[in-house]
Amino acid sequence: MNGDEQLLRGRVYGCDHDDPHPGPFPARTYAALVGGPLDGLLLDITGWTAEEVDGGVALATELSRWPGGRALYDPSADEPRTPGAGIACRFHYAGDTP
C-alpha cells in the first residue's frame, strides 16, 4: 500500500462518520493523532505555521476523562516533519483537561 492509499484510509478529526466527503484529501496536510481517545484519527493542519504545530492542540471530545472536555496532543521534538501534503507529523496524547 503506497502513502496515498494509507492517507485515504484515515479518518479526519471533526468530520462526522456519515459525511459523504470527510477526507482526508491528498492535497491537504495532516498530523496523525497517537494514543488517547482520538488515537488513529488525522488532524488537518494545512496552513499551520511551525509555531502553531509546535504548540500542540486541545481537541474537544466526549471521549476524554471529562465529557465535554479536551484531549491534549503535542508533537514530539525528536520526530521529523515532512513538509507538504499528506501526513506531516504525529501528535502524541498528553492528557485531558475539563
N, C-alpha and C. Protein backbone atom coordinates (compact mmCIF):
# COMPACT_ATOMS: atom_id res chain seq x y z
N MET A 1 0.85 -1.17 0.00
CA MET A 1 0.00 0.00 0.00
C MET A 1 0.90 1.24 0.00
N ASN A 2 0.67 2.16 -0.95
CA ASN A 2 1.52 3.35 -1.00
C ASN A 2 1.01 4.42 -0.03
N GLY A 3 1.75 5.54 0.10
CA GLY A 3 1.42 6.59 1.05
C GLY A 3 0.04 7.20 0.82
N ASP A 4 -0.34 7.41 -0.44
CA ASP A 4 -1.65 7.98 -0.73
C ASP A 4 -2.77 7.04 -0.29
N GLU A 5 -2.59 5.75 -0.50
CA GLU A 5 -3.60 4.77 -0.08
C GLU A 5 -3.73 4.75 1.44
N GLN A 6 -2.59 4.83 2.14
CA GLN A 6 -2.63 4.85 3.60
C GLN A 6 -3.33 6.12 4.09
N LEU A 7 -3.02 7.25 3.48
CA LEU A 7 -3.64 8.51 3.87
C LEU A 7 -5.14 8.44 3.72
N LEU A 8 -5.62 7.89 2.62
CA LEU A 8 -7.05 7.87 2.35
C LEU A 8 -7.81 6.90 3.25
N ARG A 9 -7.11 6.04 4.00
CA ARG A 9 -7.77 5.12 4.92
C ARG A 9 -8.05 5.78 6.27
N GLY A 10 -7.38 6.91 6.57
CA GLY A 10 -7.55 7.58 7.85
C GLY A 10 -8.86 8.34 7.94
N ARG A 11 -9.27 8.64 9.18
CA ARG A 11 -10.44 9.47 9.39
C ARG A 11 -9.97 10.80 9.96
N VAL A 12 -10.64 11.85 9.59
CA VAL A 12 -10.23 13.19 10.00
C VAL A 12 -11.03 13.64 11.22
N TYR A 13 -10.31 14.12 12.26
CA TYR A 13 -10.94 14.64 13.46
C TYR A 13 -11.92 15.75 13.08
N GLY A 14 -13.09 15.72 13.68
CA GLY A 14 -14.08 16.75 13.46
C GLY A 14 -15.07 16.48 12.35
N CYS A 15 -14.84 15.44 11.55
CA CYS A 15 -15.77 15.08 10.48
C CYS A 15 -16.72 14.00 10.99
N ASP A 16 -17.98 14.14 10.63
CA ASP A 16 -18.95 13.12 11.00
C ASP A 16 -18.67 11.83 10.25
N HIS A 17 -18.92 10.69 10.90
CA HIS A 17 -18.66 9.40 10.26
C HIS A 17 -19.52 9.18 9.03
N ASP A 18 -20.67 9.86 8.95
CA ASP A 18 -21.54 9.68 7.78
C ASP A 18 -21.43 10.83 6.77
N ASP A 19 -20.44 11.70 6.94
CA ASP A 19 -20.19 12.79 5.97
C ASP A 19 -19.81 12.15 4.64
N PRO A 20 -20.47 12.52 3.54
CA PRO A 20 -20.15 11.89 2.26
C PRO A 20 -18.75 12.25 1.73
N HIS A 21 -18.14 13.33 2.22
CA HIS A 21 -16.80 13.74 1.79
C HIS A 21 -15.97 14.16 3.01
N PRO A 22 -15.67 13.21 3.91
CA PRO A 22 -14.98 13.58 5.14
C PRO A 22 -13.48 13.79 4.99
N GLY A 23 -12.93 13.42 3.85
CA GLY A 23 -11.48 13.47 3.71
C GLY A 23 -10.91 12.19 4.29
N PRO A 24 -9.64 12.07 4.39
CA PRO A 24 -8.65 13.08 4.07
C PRO A 24 -8.49 13.27 2.57
N PHE A 25 -7.90 14.41 2.22
CA PHE A 25 -7.69 14.75 0.83
C PHE A 25 -6.20 14.83 0.55
N PRO A 26 -5.74 14.28 -0.57
CA PRO A 26 -4.31 14.22 -0.87
C PRO A 26 -3.60 15.58 -0.89
N ALA A 27 -4.30 16.66 -1.16
CA ALA A 27 -3.66 17.97 -1.26
C ALA A 27 -3.55 18.67 0.10
N ARG A 28 -4.05 18.07 1.17
CA ARG A 28 -4.04 18.69 2.49
C ARG A 28 -2.91 18.09 3.35
N THR A 29 -2.59 18.77 4.44
CA THR A 29 -1.54 18.33 5.36
C THR A 29 -2.18 17.91 6.68
N TYR A 30 -1.74 16.77 7.22
CA TYR A 30 -2.34 16.22 8.42
C TYR A 30 -1.29 15.85 9.46
N ALA A 31 -1.73 15.88 10.73
CA ALA A 31 -0.97 15.30 11.84
C ALA A 31 -1.72 14.05 12.26
N ALA A 32 -1.02 12.96 12.43
CA ALA A 32 -1.63 11.72 12.92
C ALA A 32 -1.70 11.79 14.44
N LEU A 33 -2.88 11.55 15.02
CA LEU A 33 -3.05 11.57 16.47
C LEU A 33 -2.71 10.19 17.02
N VAL A 34 -1.82 10.16 18.02
CA VAL A 34 -1.30 8.91 18.55
C VAL A 34 -1.64 8.80 20.04
N GLY A 35 -2.32 7.72 20.40
CA GLY A 35 -2.67 7.47 21.79
C GLY A 35 -3.92 8.22 22.21
N GLY A 36 -4.38 7.94 23.41
CA GLY A 36 -5.53 8.63 23.96
C GLY A 36 -6.83 8.36 23.23
N PRO A 37 -7.85 9.16 23.51
CA PRO A 37 -9.18 8.89 22.98
C PRO A 37 -9.33 9.09 21.48
N LEU A 38 -8.44 9.82 20.86
CA LEU A 38 -8.55 10.10 19.43
C LEU A 38 -7.50 9.37 18.61
N ASP A 39 -6.91 8.34 19.20
CA ASP A 39 -5.86 7.55 18.54
C ASP A 39 -6.30 7.10 17.16
N GLY A 40 -5.44 7.31 16.18
CA GLY A 40 -5.70 6.84 14.82
C GLY A 40 -6.39 7.85 13.93
N LEU A 41 -6.88 8.95 14.50
CA LEU A 41 -7.50 9.98 13.67
C LEU A 41 -6.43 10.91 13.10
N LEU A 42 -6.80 11.64 12.07
CA LEU A 42 -5.93 12.64 11.48
C LEU A 42 -6.47 14.03 11.82
N LEU A 43 -5.58 14.98 12.02
CA LEU A 43 -5.94 16.36 12.27
C LEU A 43 -5.45 17.21 11.10
N ASP A 44 -6.34 17.95 10.47
CA ASP A 44 -5.97 18.79 9.33
C ASP A 44 -5.18 19.99 9.83
N ILE A 45 -3.90 20.07 9.47
CA ILE A 45 -3.04 21.18 9.87
C ILE A 45 -2.58 21.99 8.65
N THR A 46 -3.32 21.90 7.57
CA THR A 46 -2.99 22.65 6.36
C THR A 46 -2.92 24.13 6.70
N GLY A 47 -1.84 24.78 6.33
CA GLY A 47 -1.68 26.21 6.54
C GLY A 47 -1.17 26.61 7.92
N TRP A 48 -0.97 25.65 8.82
CA TRP A 48 -0.46 25.97 10.14
C TRP A 48 1.00 26.39 10.04
N THR A 49 1.41 27.35 10.87
CA THR A 49 2.81 27.74 10.95
C THR A 49 3.55 26.73 11.82
N ALA A 50 4.88 26.76 11.74
CA ALA A 50 5.69 25.86 12.58
C ALA A 50 5.41 26.12 14.06
N GLU A 51 5.19 27.38 14.43
CA GLU A 51 4.91 27.72 15.82
C GLU A 51 3.56 27.13 16.27
N GLU A 52 2.58 27.16 15.39
CA GLU A 52 1.27 26.58 15.73
C GLU A 52 1.38 25.07 15.91
N VAL A 53 2.13 24.41 15.05
CA VAL A 53 2.33 22.96 15.18
C VAL A 53 3.08 22.66 16.48
N ASP A 54 4.12 23.45 16.78
CA ASP A 54 4.90 23.24 18.00
C ASP A 54 4.06 23.38 19.26
N GLY A 55 3.01 24.20 19.20
CA GLY A 55 2.16 24.44 20.37
C GLY A 55 1.22 23.31 20.70
N GLY A 56 1.03 22.37 19.79
CA GLY A 56 0.11 21.27 20.04
C GLY A 56 -1.33 21.74 20.01
N VAL A 57 -2.24 20.87 20.45
CA VAL A 57 -3.67 21.18 20.37
C VAL A 57 -4.43 20.64 21.58
N ALA A 58 -5.57 21.26 21.84
CA ALA A 58 -6.54 20.79 22.83
C ALA A 58 -7.82 20.55 22.05
N LEU A 59 -8.15 19.29 21.79
CA LEU A 59 -9.27 18.94 20.93
C LEU A 59 -10.50 18.52 21.73
N ALA A 60 -11.61 19.18 21.45
CA ALA A 60 -12.86 18.86 22.13
C ALA A 60 -13.29 17.44 21.78
N THR A 61 -13.67 16.68 22.81
CA THR A 61 -14.15 15.32 22.58
C THR A 61 -14.97 14.84 23.77
N GLU A 62 -15.98 14.08 23.49
CA GLU A 62 -16.77 13.45 24.54
C GLU A 62 -16.07 12.20 25.06
N LEU A 63 -14.97 11.82 24.47
CA LEU A 63 -14.26 10.60 24.84
C LEU A 63 -13.15 10.85 25.87
N SER A 64 -12.95 12.10 26.26
CA SER A 64 -11.90 12.38 27.24
C SER A 64 -12.37 12.00 28.64
N ARG A 65 -11.54 12.19 29.62
CA ARG A 65 -11.88 11.87 31.01
C ARG A 65 -13.10 12.67 31.46
N TRP A 66 -13.21 13.91 30.99
CA TRP A 66 -14.34 14.78 31.34
C TRP A 66 -15.21 14.96 30.11
N PRO A 67 -16.45 14.47 30.14
CA PRO A 67 -17.34 14.68 29.00
C PRO A 67 -17.44 16.17 28.68
N GLY A 68 -17.25 16.49 27.43
CA GLY A 68 -17.24 17.89 27.02
C GLY A 68 -15.87 18.54 27.21
N GLY A 69 -14.90 17.75 27.66
CA GLY A 69 -13.56 18.27 27.89
C GLY A 69 -12.72 18.23 26.63
N ARG A 70 -11.43 18.33 26.82
CA ARG A 70 -10.50 18.36 25.70
C ARG A 70 -9.37 17.35 25.91
N ALA A 71 -8.97 16.73 24.82
CA ALA A 71 -7.81 15.84 24.82
C ALA A 71 -6.62 16.64 24.31
N LEU A 72 -5.52 16.58 25.03
CA LEU A 72 -4.32 17.35 24.69
C LEU A 72 -3.36 16.49 23.88
N TYR A 73 -2.88 17.04 22.78
CA TYR A 73 -1.92 16.35 21.91
C TYR A 73 -0.78 17.29 21.57
N ASP A 74 0.45 16.77 21.63
CA ASP A 74 1.64 17.57 21.35
C ASP A 74 2.55 16.83 20.38
N PRO A 75 3.27 17.59 19.53
CA PRO A 75 4.25 16.94 18.66
C PRO A 75 5.49 16.57 19.47
N SER A 76 6.23 15.61 19.00
CA SER A 76 7.48 15.23 19.64
C SER A 76 8.61 15.98 18.95
N ALA A 77 9.45 16.62 19.74
CA ALA A 77 10.57 17.38 19.17
C ALA A 77 11.57 16.46 18.47
N ASP A 78 11.56 15.17 18.83
CA ASP A 78 12.53 14.23 18.27
C ASP A 78 12.10 13.64 16.94
N GLU A 79 10.85 13.84 16.54
CA GLU A 79 10.36 13.24 15.31
C GLU A 79 10.45 14.23 14.16
N PRO A 80 10.84 13.75 12.99
CA PRO A 80 10.92 14.64 11.83
C PRO A 80 9.53 15.03 11.34
N ARG A 81 9.49 16.15 10.63
CA ARG A 81 8.26 16.59 9.98
C ARG A 81 8.49 16.60 8.49
N THR A 82 7.48 16.18 7.77
CA THR A 82 7.56 16.14 6.32
C THR A 82 6.75 17.31 5.78
N PRO A 83 7.40 18.25 5.10
CA PRO A 83 6.64 19.38 4.56
C PRO A 83 5.74 18.94 3.41
N GLY A 84 4.65 19.68 3.22
CA GLY A 84 3.77 19.42 2.09
C GLY A 84 2.58 18.55 2.45
N ALA A 85 1.90 18.11 1.41
CA ALA A 85 0.66 17.35 1.57
C ALA A 85 0.93 15.96 2.14
N GLY A 86 -0.11 15.40 2.76
CA GLY A 86 -0.02 14.06 3.34
C GLY A 86 0.14 14.16 4.84
N ILE A 87 0.62 13.10 5.47
CA ILE A 87 0.83 13.10 6.91
C ILE A 87 2.20 13.69 7.18
N ALA A 88 2.21 14.87 7.80
CA ALA A 88 3.45 15.62 8.00
C ALA A 88 4.13 15.30 9.32
N CYS A 89 3.34 14.93 10.34
CA CYS A 89 3.91 14.69 11.66
C CYS A 89 2.92 13.90 12.51
N ARG A 90 3.33 13.61 13.74
CA ARG A 90 2.44 12.91 14.67
C ARG A 90 2.30 13.77 15.92
N PHE A 91 1.09 13.83 16.45
CA PHE A 91 0.81 14.49 17.73
C PHE A 91 0.51 13.38 18.73
N HIS A 92 1.21 13.40 19.87
CA HIS A 92 1.07 12.36 20.88
C HIS A 92 0.17 12.83 22.01
N TYR A 93 -0.64 11.92 22.51
CA TYR A 93 -1.57 12.20 23.61
C TYR A 93 -0.79 12.63 24.85
N ALA A 94 -1.24 13.73 25.48
CA ALA A 94 -0.57 14.26 26.65
C ALA A 94 -1.49 14.36 27.87
N GLY A 95 -2.76 14.00 27.72
CA GLY A 95 -3.69 14.05 28.85
C GLY A 95 -4.99 14.72 28.47
N ASP A 96 -5.84 14.92 29.49
CA ASP A 96 -7.16 15.53 29.29
C ASP A 96 -7.28 16.77 30.18
N THR A 97 -8.18 17.64 29.78
CA THR A 97 -8.49 18.82 30.59
C THR A 97 -10.00 19.08 30.51
N PRO A 98 -10.59 19.58 31.59
CA PRO A 98 -12.04 19.85 31.54
C PRO A 98 -12.38 20.97 30.55
